[in-house]
Each structure stands twice: as C-alpha cells, then as structure tokens.
PDB file of N, CA and C in Angstrom:
ATOM      1  N   UNK A   1     -32.267  47.272 285.404  1.00  0.00           N
ATOM      2  CA  UNK A   1     -33.651  46.928 285.119  1.00  0.00           C
ATOM      3  C   UNK A   1     -33.700  46.166 283.794  1.00  0.00           C
ATOM      4  N   UNK A   2     -34.407  45.054 283.798  1.00  0.00           N
ATOM      5  CA  UNK A   2     -34.549  44.253 282.591  1.00  0.00           C
ATOM      6  C   UNK A   2     -35.712  44.764 281.760  1.00  0.00           C
ATOM      7  N   UNK A   3     -35.719  44.392 280.473  1.00  0.00           N
ATOM      8  CA  UNK A   3     -36.797  44.843 279.595  1.00  0.00           C
ATOM      9  C   UNK A   3     -38.139  44.271 280.015  1.00  0.00           C
ATOM     10  N   UNK A   4     -38.152  43.051 280.545  1.00  0.00           N
ATOM     11  CA  UNK A   4     -39.425  42.479 280.984  1.00  0.00           C
ATOM     12  C   UNK A   4     -39.988  43.265 282.167  1.00  0.00           C
ATOM     13  N   UNK A   5     -39.105  43.780 283.042  1.00  0.00           N
ATOM     14  CA  UNK A   5     -39.557  44.628 284.147  1.00  0.00           C
ATOM     15  C   UNK A   5     -40.061  45.970 283.629  1.00  0.00           C
ATOM     16  N   UNK A   6     -39.452  46.455 282.566  1.00  0.00           N
ATOM     17  CA  UNK A   6     -39.836  47.745 281.996  1.00  0.00           C
ATOM     18  C   UNK A   6     -41.287  47.733 281.539  1.00  0.00           C
ATOM     19  N   UNK A   7     -41.747  46.632 280.919  1.00  0.00           N
ATOM     20  CA  UNK A   7     -43.129  46.535 280.455  1.00  0.00           C
ATOM     21  C   UNK A   7     -44.101  46.643 281.625  1.00  0.00           C
ATOM     22  N   UNK A   8     -43.744  46.071 282.762  1.00  0.00           N
ATOM     23  CA  UNK A   8     -44.587  46.138 283.957  1.00  0.00           C
ATOM     24  C   UNK A   8     -44.772  47.590 284.388  1.00  0.00           C
ATOM     25  N   UNK A   9     -43.682  48.326 284.473  1.00  0.00           N
ATOM     26  CA  UNK A   9     -43.760  49.719 284.897  1.00  0.00           C
ATOM     27  C   UNK A   9     -44.458  50.594 283.859  1.00  0.00           C
ATOM     28  N   UNK A  10     -44.211  50.346 282.598  1.00  0.00           N
ATOM     29  CA  UNK A  10     -44.885  51.092 281.535  1.00  0.00           C
ATOM     30  C   UNK A  10     -46.393  50.884 281.622  1.00  0.00           C
ATOM     31  N   UNK A  11     -46.808  49.655 281.886  1.00  0.00           N
ATOM     32  CA  UNK A  11     -48.240  49.353 281.986  1.00  0.00           C
ATOM     33  C   UNK A  11     -48.887  50.142 283.114  1.00  0.00           C
ATOM     34  N   UNK A  12     -48.297  50.108 284.289  1.00  0.00           N
ATOM     35  CA  UNK A  12     -48.912  50.810 285.420  1.00  0.00           C
ATOM     36  C   UNK A  12     -48.895  52.325 285.242  1.00  0.00           C
ATOM     37  N   UNK A  13     -47.814  52.863 284.724  1.00  0.00           N
ATOM     38  CA  UNK A  13     -47.748  54.303 284.499  1.00  0.00           C
ATOM     39  C   UNK A  13     -48.798  54.725 283.474  1.00  0.00           C
ATOM     40  N   UNK A  14     -48.976  53.931 282.423  1.00  0.00           N
ATOM     41  CA  UNK A  14     -49.957  54.251 281.393  1.00  0.00           C
ATOM     42  C   UNK A  14     -51.380  54.152 281.931  1.00  0.00           C
ATOM     43  N   UNK A  15     -51.645  53.204 282.828  1.00  0.00           N
ATOM     44  CA  UNK A  15     -52.974  53.099 283.446  1.00  0.00           C
ATOM     45  C   UNK A  15     -53.310  54.392 284.187  1.00  0.00           C
ATOM     46  N   UNK A  16     -52.355  54.929 284.931  1.00  0.00           N
ATOM     47  CA  UNK A  16     -52.608  56.169 285.655  1.00  0.00           C
ATOM     48  C   UNK A  16     -52.733  57.365 284.722  1.00  0.00           C
ATOM     49  N   UNK A  17     -51.968  57.376 283.637  1.00  0.00           N
ATOM     50  CA  UNK A  17     -52.099  58.453 282.649  1.00  0.00           C
ATOM     51  C   UNK A  17     -53.493  58.416 282.027  1.00  0.00           C
ATOM     52  N   UNK A  18     -53.951  57.203 281.661  1.00  0.00           N
ATOM     53  CA  UNK A  18     -55.290  57.079 281.079  1.00  0.00           C
ATOM     54  C   UNK A  18     -56.375  57.487 282.065  1.00  0.00           C
ATOM     55  N   UNK A  19     -56.209  57.127 283.338  1.00  0.00           N
ATOM     56  CA  UNK A  19     -57.188  57.535 284.346  1.00  0.00           C
ATOM     57  C   UNK A  19     -57.245  59.055 284.444  1.00  0.00           C
ATOM     58  N   UNK A  20     -56.088  59.695 284.468  1.00  0.00           N
ATOM     59  CA  UNK A  20     -56.057  61.153 284.505  1.00  0.00           C
ATOM     60  C   UNK A  20     -56.701  61.786 283.289  1.00  0.00           C
ATOM     61  N   UNK A  21     -56.450  61.203 282.123  1.00  0.00           N
ATOM     62  CA  UNK A  21     -57.052  61.698 280.887  1.00  0.00           C
ATOM     63  C   UNK A  21     -58.573  61.609 280.946  1.00  0.00           C
ATOM     64  N   UNK A  22     -59.106  60.462 281.390  1.00  0.00           N
ATOM     65  CA  UNK A  22     -60.560  60.302 281.449  1.00  0.00           C
ATOM     66  C   UNK A  22     -61.187  61.150 282.546  1.00  0.00           C
ATOM     67  N   UNK A  23     -60.454  61.419 283.632  1.00  0.00           N
ATOM     68  CA  UNK A  23     -60.972  62.329 284.660  1.00  0.00           C
ATOM     69  C   UNK A  23     -61.085  63.743 284.104  1.00  0.00           C
ATOM     70  N   UNK A  24     -60.105  64.161 283.305  1.00  0.00           N
ATOM     71  CA  UNK A  24     -60.168  65.479 282.676  1.00  0.00           C
ATOM     72  C   UNK A  24     -61.364  65.559 281.722  1.00  0.00           C
ATOM     73  N   UNK A  25     -61.573  64.507 280.923  1.00  0.00           N
ATOM     74  CA  UNK A  25     -62.709  64.494 279.999  1.00  0.00           C
ATOM     75  C   UNK A  25     -64.028  64.540 280.765  1.00  0.00           C
ATOM     76  N   UNK A  26     -64.112  63.828 281.895  1.00  0.00           N
ATOM     77  CA  UNK A  26     -65.314  63.869 282.733  1.00  0.00           C
ATOM     78  C   UNK A  26     -65.490  65.261 283.353  1.00  0.00           C
ATOM     79  N   UNK A  27     -64.395  65.877 283.817  1.00  0.00           N
ATOM     80  CA  UNK A  27     -64.473  67.204 284.428  1.00  0.00           C
ATOM     81  C   UNK A  27     -64.920  68.256 283.427  1.00  0.00           C
ATOM     82  N   UNK A  28     -64.614  68.058 282.157  1.00  0.00           N
ATOM     83  CA  UNK A  28     -65.070  68.981 281.117  1.00  0.00           C
ATOM     84  C   UNK A  28     -66.505  68.694 280.687  1.00  0.00           C
ATOM     85  N   UNK A  29     -67.149  67.740 281.364  1.00  0.00           N
ATOM     86  CA  UNK A  29     -68.546  67.356 281.155  1.00  0.00           C
ATOM     87  C   UNK A  29     -68.826  66.855 279.739  1.00  0.00           C
ATOM     88  N   UNK A  30     -67.852  66.153 279.172  1.00  0.00           N
ATOM     89  CA  UNK A  30     -68.059  65.513 277.884  1.00  0.00           C
ATOM     90  C   UNK A  30     -68.821  64.203 278.086  1.00  0.00           C
ATOM     91  N   UNK A  31     -68.482  63.486 279.145  1.00  0.00           N
ATOM     92  CA  UNK A  31     -69.156  62.234 279.513  1.00  0.00           C
ATOM     93  C   UNK A  31     -69.538  62.298 280.979  1.00  0.00           C
ATOM     94  N   UNK A  32     -70.488  61.427 281.380  1.00  0.00           N
ATOM     95  CA  UNK A  32     -70.822  61.381 282.797  1.00  0.00           C
ATOM     96  C   UNK A  32     -69.865  60.424 283.513  1.00  0.00           C
ATOM     97  N   UNK A  33     -70.014  60.296 284.831  1.00  0.00           N
ATOM     98  CA  UNK A  33     -69.072  59.531 285.640  1.00  0.00           C
ATOM     99  C   UNK A  33     -69.063  58.046 285.257  1.00  0.00           C
ATOM    100  N   UNK A  34     -70.221  57.458 285.042  1.00  0.00           N
ATOM    101  CA  UNK A  34     -70.292  56.048 284.669  1.00  0.00           C
ATOM    102  C   UNK A  34     -69.643  55.779 283.320  1.00  0.00           C
ATOM    103  N   UNK A  35     -69.914  56.644 282.351  1.00  0.00           N
ATOM    104  CA  UNK A  35     -69.293  56.489 281.031  1.00  0.00           C
ATOM    105  C   UNK A  35     -67.790  56.677 281.102  1.00  0.00           C
ATOM    106  N   UNK A  36     -67.356  57.614 281.943  1.00  0.00           N
ATOM    107  CA  UNK A  36     -65.923  57.846 282.116  1.00  0.00           C
ATOM    108  C   UNK A  36     -65.247  56.591 282.650  1.00  0.00           C
ATOM    109  N   UNK A  37     -65.850  55.949 283.644  1.00  0.00           N
ATOM    110  CA  UNK A  37     -65.266  54.740 284.224  1.00  0.00           C
ATOM    111  C   UNK A  37     -65.204  53.611 283.195  1.00  0.00           C
ATOM    112  N   UNK A  38     -66.287  53.430 282.429  1.00  0.00           N
ATOM    113  CA  UNK A  38     -66.307  52.375 281.418  1.00  0.00           C
ATOM    114  C   UNK A  38     -65.304  52.649 280.293  1.00  0.00           C
ATOM    115  N   UNK A  39     -65.188  53.896 279.878  1.00  0.00           N
ATOM    116  CA  UNK A  39     -64.229  54.240 278.828  1.00  0.00           C
ATOM    117  C   UNK A  39     -62.787  54.059 279.323  1.00  0.00           C
ATOM    118  N   UNK A  40     -62.553  54.350 280.607  1.00  0.00           N
ATOM    119  CA  UNK A  40     -61.226  54.127 281.173  1.00  0.00           C
ATOM    120  C   UNK A  40     -60.895  52.629 281.161  1.00  0.00           C
ATOM    121  N   UNK A  41     -61.848  51.792 281.571  1.00  0.00           N
ATOM    122  CA  UNK A  41     -61.612  50.349 281.542  1.00  0.00           C
ATOM    123  C   UNK A  41     -61.440  49.834 280.117  1.00  0.00           C
ATOM    124  N   UNK A  42     -62.201  50.400 279.175  1.00  0.00           N
ATOM    125  CA  UNK A  42     -62.045  50.011 277.771  1.00  0.00           C
ATOM    126  C   UNK A  42     -60.646  50.363 277.269  1.00  0.00           C
ATOM    127  N   UNK A  43     -60.173  51.558 277.570  1.00  0.00           N
ATOM    128  CA  UNK A  43     -58.834  51.939 277.127  1.00  0.00           C
ATOM    129  C   UNK A  43     -57.765  51.104 277.823  1.00  0.00           C
ATOM    130  N   UNK A  44     -58.004  50.690 279.085  1.00  0.00           N
ATOM    131  CA  UNK A  44     -57.066  49.791 279.756  1.00  0.00           C
ATOM    132  C   UNK A  44     -57.059  48.415 279.102  1.00  0.00           C
ATOM    133  N   UNK A  45     -58.224  47.934 278.669  1.00  0.00           N
ATOM    134  CA  UNK A  45     -58.284  46.652 277.962  1.00  0.00           C
ATOM    135  C   UNK A  45     -57.504  46.697 276.661  1.00  0.00           C
ATOM    136  N   UNK A  46     -57.651  47.793 275.932  1.00  0.00           N
ATOM    137  CA  UNK A  46     -56.896  47.943 274.681  1.00  0.00           C
ATOM    138  C   UNK A  46     -55.404  48.059 274.976  1.00  0.00           C
ATOM    139  N   UNK A  47     -55.049  48.726 276.077  1.00  0.00           N
ATOM    140  CA  UNK A  47     -53.648  48.809 276.496  1.00  0.00           C
ATOM    141  C   UNK A  47     -53.091  47.420 276.787  1.00  0.00           C
ATOM    142  N   UNK A  48     -53.876  46.567 277.446  1.00  0.00           N
ATOM    143  CA  UNK A  48     -53.421  45.201 277.718  1.00  0.00           C
ATOM    144  C   UNK A  48     -53.165  44.437 276.421  1.00  0.00           C
ATOM    145  N   UNK A  49     -54.028  44.637 275.437  1.00  0.00           N
ATOM    146  CA  UNK A  49     -53.828  43.972 274.152  1.00  0.00           C
ATOM    147  C   UNK A  49     -52.531  44.450 273.505  1.00  0.00           C
ATOM    148  N   UNK A  50     -52.307  45.748 273.507  1.00  0.00           N
ATOM    149  CA  UNK A  50     -51.094  46.305 272.898  1.00  0.00           C
ATOM    150  C   UNK A  50     -49.848  45.806 273.624  1.00  0.00           C
ATOM    151  N   UNK A  51     -49.865  45.804 274.953  1.00  0.00           N
ATOM    152  CA  UNK A  51     -48.699  45.339 275.702  1.00  0.00           C
ATOM    153  C   UNK A  51     -48.501  43.836 275.558  1.00  0.00           C
ATOM    154  N   UNK A  52     -49.568  43.093 275.328  1.00  0.00           N
ATOM    155  CA  UNK A  52     -49.436  41.665 275.083  1.00  0.00           C
ATOM    156  C   UNK A  52     -48.820  41.371 273.731  1.00  0.00           C
ATOM    157  N   UNK A  53     -48.968  42.297 272.801  1.00  0.00           N
ATOM    158  CA  UNK A  53     -48.416  42.118 271.463  1.00  0.00           C
ATOM    159  C   UNK A  53     -46.917  42.411 271.436  1.00  0.00           C
ATOM    160  N   UNK A  54     -46.485  43.399 272.210  1.00  0.00           N
ATOM    161  CA  UNK A  54     -45.089  43.827 272.192  1.00  0.00           C
ATOM    162  C   UNK A  54     -44.200  42.704 272.726  1.00  0.00           C
ATOM    163  N   UNK A  55     -43.154  42.436 272.006  1.00  0.00           N
ATOM    164  CA  UNK A  55     -42.207  41.394 272.428  1.00  0.00           C
ATOM    165  C   UNK A  55     -40.885  42.032 272.845  1.00  0.00           C
ATOM    166  N   UNK A  56     -40.309  41.462 273.878  1.00  0.00           N
ATOM    167  CA  UNK A  56     -38.943  41.822 274.245  1.00  0.00           C
ATOM    168  C   UNK A  56     -38.031  40.736 273.686  1.00  0.00           C
ATOM    169  N   UNK A  57     -36.764  40.750 274.032  1.00  0.00           N
ATOM    170  CA  UNK A  57     -35.838  39.741 273.487  1.00  0.00           C
ATOM    171  C   UNK A  57     -36.272  38.328 273.849  1.00  0.00           C
ATOM    172  N   UNK A  58     -36.506  38.099 275.128  1.00  0.00           N
ATOM    173  CA  UNK A  58     -36.978  36.783 275.503  1.00  0.00           C
ATOM    174  C   UNK A  58     -38.498  36.770 275.423  1.00  0.00           C
ATOM    175  N   UNK A  59     -39.065  35.599 275.340  1.00  0.00           N
ATOM    176  CA  UNK A  59     -40.517  35.483 275.215  1.00  0.00           C
ATOM    177  C   UNK A  59     -41.181  36.054 276.465  1.00  0.00           C
ATOM    178  N   UNK A  60     -42.124  36.967 276.293  1.00  0.00           N
ATOM    179  CA  UNK A  60     -42.791  37.537 277.463  1.00  0.00           C
ATOM    180  C   UNK A  60     -43.570  36.475 278.212  1.00  0.00           C
ATOM    181  N   UNK A  61     -43.501  36.532 279.533  1.00  0.00           N
ATOM    182  CA  UNK A  61     -44.112  35.488 280.340  1.00  0.00           C
ATOM    183  C   UNK A  61     -45.626  35.526 280.330  1.00  0.00           C
ATOM    184  N   UNK A  62     -46.215  36.680 280.302  1.00  0.00           N
ATOM    185  CA  UNK A  62     -47.659  36.756 280.418  1.00  0.00           C
ATOM    186  C   UNK A  62     -48.359  37.344 279.212  1.00  0.00           C
ATOM    187  N   UNK A  63     -47.759  37.270 278.042  1.00  0.00           N
ATOM    188  CA  UNK A  63     -48.333  37.963 276.898  1.00  0.00           C
ATOM    189  C   UNK A  63     -49.682  37.373 276.481  1.00  0.00           C
ATOM    190  N   UNK A  64     -49.834  36.062 276.530  1.00  0.00           N
ATOM    191  CA  UNK A  64     -51.123  35.478 276.161  1.00  0.00           C
ATOM    192  C   UNK A  64     -52.201  35.811 277.179  1.00  0.00           C
ATOM    193  N   UNK A  65     -51.815  35.897 278.453  1.00  0.00           N
ATOM    194  CA  UNK A  65     -52.774  36.296 279.487  1.00  0.00           C
ATOM    195  C   UNK A  65     -53.195  37.743 279.278  1.00  0.00           C
ATOM    196  N   UNK A  66     -52.231  38.606 278.940  1.00  0.00           N
ATOM    197  CA  UNK A  66     -52.565  40.004 278.659  1.00  0.00           C
ATOM    198  C   UNK A  66     -53.507  40.116 277.473  1.00  0.00           C
ATOM    199  N   UNK A  67     -53.244  39.350 276.418  1.00  0.00           N
ATOM    200  CA  UNK A  67     -54.110  39.393 275.240  1.00  0.00           C
ATOM    201  C   UNK A  67     -55.527  38.924 275.578  1.00  0.00           C
ATOM    202  N   UNK A  68     -55.633  37.813 276.271  1.00  0.00           N
ATOM    203  CA  UNK A  68     -56.957  37.270 276.606  1.00  0.00           C
ATOM    204  C   UNK A  68     -57.715  38.187 277.551  1.00  0.00           C
ATOM    205  N   UNK A  69     -57.032  38.700 278.572  1.00  0.00           N
ATOM    206  CA  UNK A  69     -57.685  39.594 279.524  1.00  0.00           C
ATOM    207  C   UNK A  69     -58.076  40.905 278.855  1.00  0.00           C
ATOM    208  N   UNK A  70     -57.199  41.438 278.015  1.00  0.00           N
ATOM    209  CA  UNK A  70     -57.516  42.665 277.301  1.00  0.00           C
ATOM    210  C   UNK A  70     -58.719  42.497 276.393  1.00  0.00           C
ATOM    211  N   UNK A  71     -58.797  41.355 275.713  1.00  0.00           N
ATOM    212  CA  UNK A  71     -59.961  41.076 274.856  1.00  0.00           C
ATOM    213  C   UNK A  71     -61.235  40.998 275.686  1.00  0.00           C
ATOM    214  N   UNK A  72     -61.185  40.268 276.784  1.00  0.00           N
ATOM    215  CA  UNK A  72     -62.359  40.104 277.629  1.00  0.00           C
ATOM    216  C   UNK A  72     -62.828  41.439 278.195  1.00  0.00           C
ATOM    217  N   UNK A  73     -61.910  42.205 278.739  1.00  0.00           N
ATOM    218  CA  UNK A  73     -62.270  43.511 279.311  1.00  0.00           C
ATOM    219  C   UNK A  73     -62.809  44.440 278.233  1.00  0.00           C
ATOM    220  N   UNK A  74     -62.159  44.473 277.068  1.00  0.00           N
ATOM    221  CA  UNK A  74     -62.599  45.363 275.993  1.00  0.00           C
ATOM    222  C   UNK A  74     -64.003  45.017 275.514  1.00  0.00           C
ATOM    223  N   UNK A  75     -64.264  43.740 275.294  1.00  0.00           N
ATOM    224  CA  UNK A  75     -65.583  43.342 274.800  1.00  0.00           C
ATOM    225  C   UNK A  75     -66.660  43.577 275.847  1.00  0.00           C
ATOM    226  N   UNK A  76     -66.364  43.275 277.116  1.00  0.00           N
ATOM    227  CA  UNK A  76     -67.350  43.533 278.175  1.00  0.00           C
ATOM    228  C   UNK A  76     -67.645  45.025 278.322  1.00  0.00           C
ATOM    229  N   UNK A  77     -66.618  45.860 278.222  1.00  0.00           N
ATOM    230  CA  UNK A  77     -66.830  47.297 278.351  1.00  0.00           C
ATOM    231  C   UNK A  77     -67.580  47.853 277.147  1.00  0.00           C
ATOM    232  N   UNK A  78     -67.322  47.323 275.954  1.00  0.00           N
ATOM    233  CA  UNK A  78     -68.085  47.754 274.779  1.00  0.00           C
ATOM    234  C   UNK A  78     -69.557  47.390 274.935  1.00  0.00           C
ATOM    235  N   UNK A  79     -69.829  46.200 275.460  1.00  0.00           N
ATOM    236  CA  UNK A  79     -71.219  45.799 275.688  1.00  0.00           C
ATOM    237  C   UNK A  79     -71.872  46.683 276.750  1.00  0.00           C
ATOM    238  N   UNK A  80     -71.152  46.984 277.827  1.00  0.00           N
ATOM    239  CA  UNK A  80     -71.706  47.843 278.882  1.00  0.00           C
ATOM    240  C   UNK A  80     -71.951  49.253 278.365  1.00  0.00           C
ATOM    241  N   UNK A  81     -71.037  49.776 277.553  1.00  0.00           N
ATOM    242  CA  UNK A  81     -71.233  51.105 276.972  1.00  0.00           C
ATOM    243  C   UNK A  81     -72.415  51.128 276.016  1.00  0.00           C
ATOM    244  N   UNK A  82     -72.601  50.036 275.271  1.00  0.00           N
ATOM    245  CA  UNK A  82     -73.733  49.970 274.340  1.00  0.00           C
ATOM    246  C   UNK A  82     -75.048  49.989 275.094  1.00  0.00           C
ATOM    247  N   UNK A  83     -75.099  49.353 276.239  1.00  0.00           N
ATOM    248  CA  UNK A  83     -76.333  49.325 277.034  1.00  0.00           C
ATOM    249  C   UNK A  83     -76.537  50.645 277.770  1.00  0.00           C
ATOM    250  N   UNK A  84     -75.450  51.221 278.297  1.00  0.00           N
ATOM    251  CA  UNK A  84     -75.562  52.360 279.210  1.00  0.00           C
ATOM    252  C   UNK A  84     -75.685  53.707 278.520  1.00  0.00           C
ATOM    253  N   UNK A  85     -75.073  53.877 277.378  1.00  0.00           N
ATOM    254  CA  UNK A  85     -74.970  55.236 276.845  1.00  0.00           C
ATOM    255  C   UNK A  85     -75.180  55.280 275.344  1.00  0.00           C
ATOM    256  N   UNK A  86     -75.099  56.495 274.846  1.00  0.00           N
ATOM    257  CA  UNK A  86     -75.200  56.728 273.412  1.00  0.00           C
ATOM    258  C   UNK A  86     -73.831  56.843 272.751  1.00  0.00           C
ATOM    259  N   UNK A  87     -72.763  56.656 273.533  1.00  0.00           N
ATOM    260  CA  UNK A  87     -71.422  56.785 272.970  1.00  0.00           C
ATOM    261  C   UNK A  87     -71.170  55.692 271.943  1.00  0.00           C
ATOM    262  N   UNK A  88     -71.492  54.462 272.309  1.00  0.00           N
ATOM    263  CA  UNK A  88     -71.293  53.326 271.415  1.00  0.00           C
ATOM    264  C   UNK A  88     -72.638  52.642 271.253  1.00  0.00           C
ATOM    265  N   UNK A  89     -73.148  52.574 270.031  1.00  0.00           N
ATOM    266  CA  UNK A  89     -74.395  51.867 269.786  1.00  0.00           C
ATOM    267  C   UNK A  89     -74.186  50.365 269.897  1.00  0.00           C
ATOM    268  N   UNK A  90     -75.268  49.622 270.033  1.00  0.00           N
ATOM    269  CA  UNK A  90     -75.182  48.181 270.209  1.00  0.00           C
ATOM    270  C   UNK A  90     -74.457  47.478 269.077  1.00  0.00           C
ATOM    271  N   UNK A  91     -74.828  47.789 267.829  1.00  0.00           N
ATOM    272  CA  UNK A  91     -74.192  47.140 266.686  1.00  0.00           C
ATOM    273  C   UNK A  91     -72.780  47.648 266.467  1.00  0.00           C
ATOM    274  N   UNK A  92     -72.536  48.907 266.809  1.00  0.00           N
ATOM    275  CA  UNK A  92     -71.172  49.441 266.689  1.00  0.00           C
ATOM    276  C   UNK A  92     -70.252  48.726 267.675  1.00  0.00           C
ATOM    277  N   UNK A  93     -70.734  48.533 268.905  1.00  0.00           N
ATOM    278  CA  UNK A  93     -69.946  47.808 269.903  1.00  0.00           C
ATOM    279  C   UNK A  93     -69.685  46.379 269.478  1.00  0.00           C
ATOM    280  N   UNK A  94     -70.714  45.719 268.910  1.00  0.00           N
ATOM    281  CA  UNK A  94     -70.543  44.345 268.440  1.00  0.00           C
ATOM    282  C   UNK A  94     -69.536  44.294 267.291  1.00  0.00           C
ATOM    283  N   UNK A  95     -69.608  45.262 266.382  1.00  0.00           N
ATOM    284  CA  UNK A  95     -68.673  45.303 265.256  1.00  0.00           C
ATOM    285  C   UNK A  95     -67.241  45.538 265.705  1.00  0.00           C
ATOM    286  N   UNK A  96     -67.037  46.470 266.641  1.00  0.00           N
ATOM    287  CA  UNK A  96     -65.684  46.734 267.146  1.00  0.00           C
ATOM    288  C   UNK A  96     -65.165  45.512 267.898  1.00  0.00           C
ATOM    289  N   UNK A  97     -66.045  44.843 268.635  1.00  0.00           N
ATOM    290  CA  UNK A  97     -65.644  43.618 269.326  1.00  0.00           C
ATOM    291  C   UNK A  97     -65.191  42.546 268.360  1.00  0.00           C
ATOM    292  N   UNK A  98     -65.914  42.384 267.260  1.00  0.00           N
ATOM    293  CA  UNK A  98     -65.528  41.395 266.247  1.00  0.00           C
ATOM    294  C   UNK A  98     -64.194  41.771 265.590  1.00  0.00           C
ATOM    295  N   UNK A  99     -63.997  43.065 265.349  1.00  0.00           N
ATOM    296  CA  UNK A  99     -62.723  43.519 264.784  1.00  0.00           C
ATOM    297  C   UNK A  99     -61.581  43.196 265.740  1.00  0.00           C
ATOM    298  N   UNK A 100     -61.775  43.465 267.039  1.00  0.00           N
ATOM    299  CA  UNK A 100     -60.747  43.159 268.034  1.00  0.00           C
ATOM    300  C   UNK A 100     -60.430  41.668 268.072  1.00  0.00           C
ATOM    301  N   UNK A 101     -61.467  40.834 268.038  1.00  0.00           N
ATOM    302  CA  UNK A 101     -61.256  39.390 268.050  1.00  0.00           C
ATOM    303  C   UNK A 101     -60.452  38.968 266.821  1.00  0.00           C
ATOM    304  N   UNK A 102     -60.797  39.496 265.648  1.00  0.00           N
ATOM    305  CA  UNK A 102     -60.074  39.154 264.428  1.00  0.00           C
ATOM    306  C   UNK A 102     -58.631  39.625 264.443  1.00  0.00           C
ATOM    307  N   UNK A 103     -58.390  40.851 264.893  1.00  0.00           N
ATOM    308  CA  UNK A 103     -57.029  41.387 264.921  1.00  0.00           C
ATOM    309  C   UNK A 103     -56.158  40.591 265.886  1.00  0.00           C
ATOM    310  N   UNK A 104     -56.681  40.318 267.075  1.00  0.00           N
ATOM    311  CA  UNK A 104     -55.891  39.553 268.044  1.00  0.00           C
ATOM    312  C   UNK A 104     -55.664  38.130 267.538  1.00  0.00           C
ATOM    313  N   UNK A 105     -56.661  37.538 266.881  1.00  0.00           N
ATOM    314  CA  UNK A 105     -56.473  36.212 266.296  1.00  0.00           C
ATOM    315  C   UNK A 105     -55.365  36.204 265.260  1.00  0.00           C
ATOM    316  N   UNK A 106     -55.323  37.221 264.401  1.00  0.00           N
ATOM    317  CA  UNK A 106     -54.245  37.326 263.408  1.00  0.00           C
ATOM    318  C   UNK A 106     -52.887  37.513 264.071  1.00  0.00           C
ATOM    319  N   UNK A 107     -52.850  38.320 265.115  1.00  0.00           N
ATOM    320  CA  UNK A 107     -51.581  38.557 265.817  1.00  0.00           C
ATOM    321  C   UNK A 107     -51.076  37.270 266.439  1.00  0.00           C
ATOM    322  N   UNK A 108     -51.953  36.517 267.084  1.00  0.00           N
ATOM    323  CA  UNK A 108     -51.546  35.253 267.687  1.00  0.00           C
ATOM    324  C   UNK A 108     -51.077  34.285 266.613  1.00  0.00           C
ATOM    325  N   UNK A 109     -51.779  34.247 265.500  1.00  0.00           N
ATOM    326  CA  UNK A 109     -51.389  33.374 264.391  1.00  0.00           C
ATOM    327  C   UNK A 109     -50.001  33.716 263.875  1.00  0.00           C
ATOM    328  N   UNK A 110     -49.726  34.995 263.623  1.00  0.00           N
ATOM    329  CA  UNK A 110     -48.428  35.382 263.093  1.00  0.00           C
ATOM    330  C   UNK A 110     -47.309  35.231 264.123  1.00  0.00           C
ATOM    331  N   UNK A 111     -47.634  35.386 265.405  1.00  0.00           N
ATOM    332  CA  UNK A 111     -46.610  35.203 266.444  1.00  0.00           C
ATOM    333  C   UNK A 111     -46.207  33.747 266.565  1.00  0.00           C
ATOM    334  N   UNK A 112     -47.118  32.828 266.296  1.00  0.00           N
ATOM    335  CA  UNK A 112     -46.829  31.405 266.466  1.00  0.00           C
ATOM    336  C   UNK A 112     -46.262  30.758 265.212  1.00  0.00           C
ATOM    337  N   UNK A 113     -46.188  31.483 264.093  1.00  0.00           N
ATOM    338  CA  UNK A 113     -45.563  30.936 262.887  1.00  0.00           C
ATOM    339  C   UNK A 113     -44.062  30.852 263.083  1.00  0.00           C
ATOM    340  N   UNK A 114     -43.473  29.784 262.595  1.00  0.00           N
ATOM    341  CA  UNK A 114     -42.015  29.642 262.756  1.00  0.00           C
ATOM    342  C   UNK A 114     -41.362  29.471 261.425  1.00  0.00           C
TER     343      UNK A 114
END
C-alpha cells in the first residue's frame, strides 16, 4: 500500500468515526437530529482541510481540491448552523469562517513558496 492510498483510507475511516461520534452526541440528547447532521458535515469539512494540508513524499494529487471543498463545506455548514440553531451564532459563524479562510490561505501560501 502506498502512502497516497493510505490517506484515502484514513479519510473514509475518519468520516465513519465522526459519524459515530455525532450519533452518540445526538443519542445523549445534546443536539437534535438536524444539528447533529450539520455538525457532522462541518467536522467532515474540517477533516478535508486537514487531509489537504498533509503531504506525503510525492505531491498529493487532490490536495487543493480537498482544501477548496473543505472550505466550502465548512463555511456552508457554519452558515446553516447559524440560521438553524443556537450552537453557533451568526457573527460567530462568520468569524470562524473568516479564520478558516485566512488559515487555509496562509497554508497555501507557505506550501507554494520555494
């Protein structure tokens, strides 16, 4: 198994672990079903960003796609959570979204420096 294949399997296994974690949190009645689904998608978006940042020996084939998709999913889920629930307020979601955009921008900048 190559390291690039390993990232694929790690991603899918982590998605299922996160789903199980959020189902447990929902079963304990901390959040309702809709909030649980949105929080699961938000954590998956952040996972995509983290996996897009990690480099193997050779240049990862889809790292920029992972970063862009993770950013899009994370920001959309923060906006949906701000509208739907009291977990994330509107300005808090906007602030976290701006932080994510800035952090990913810095990561892309430092990755492209030679």
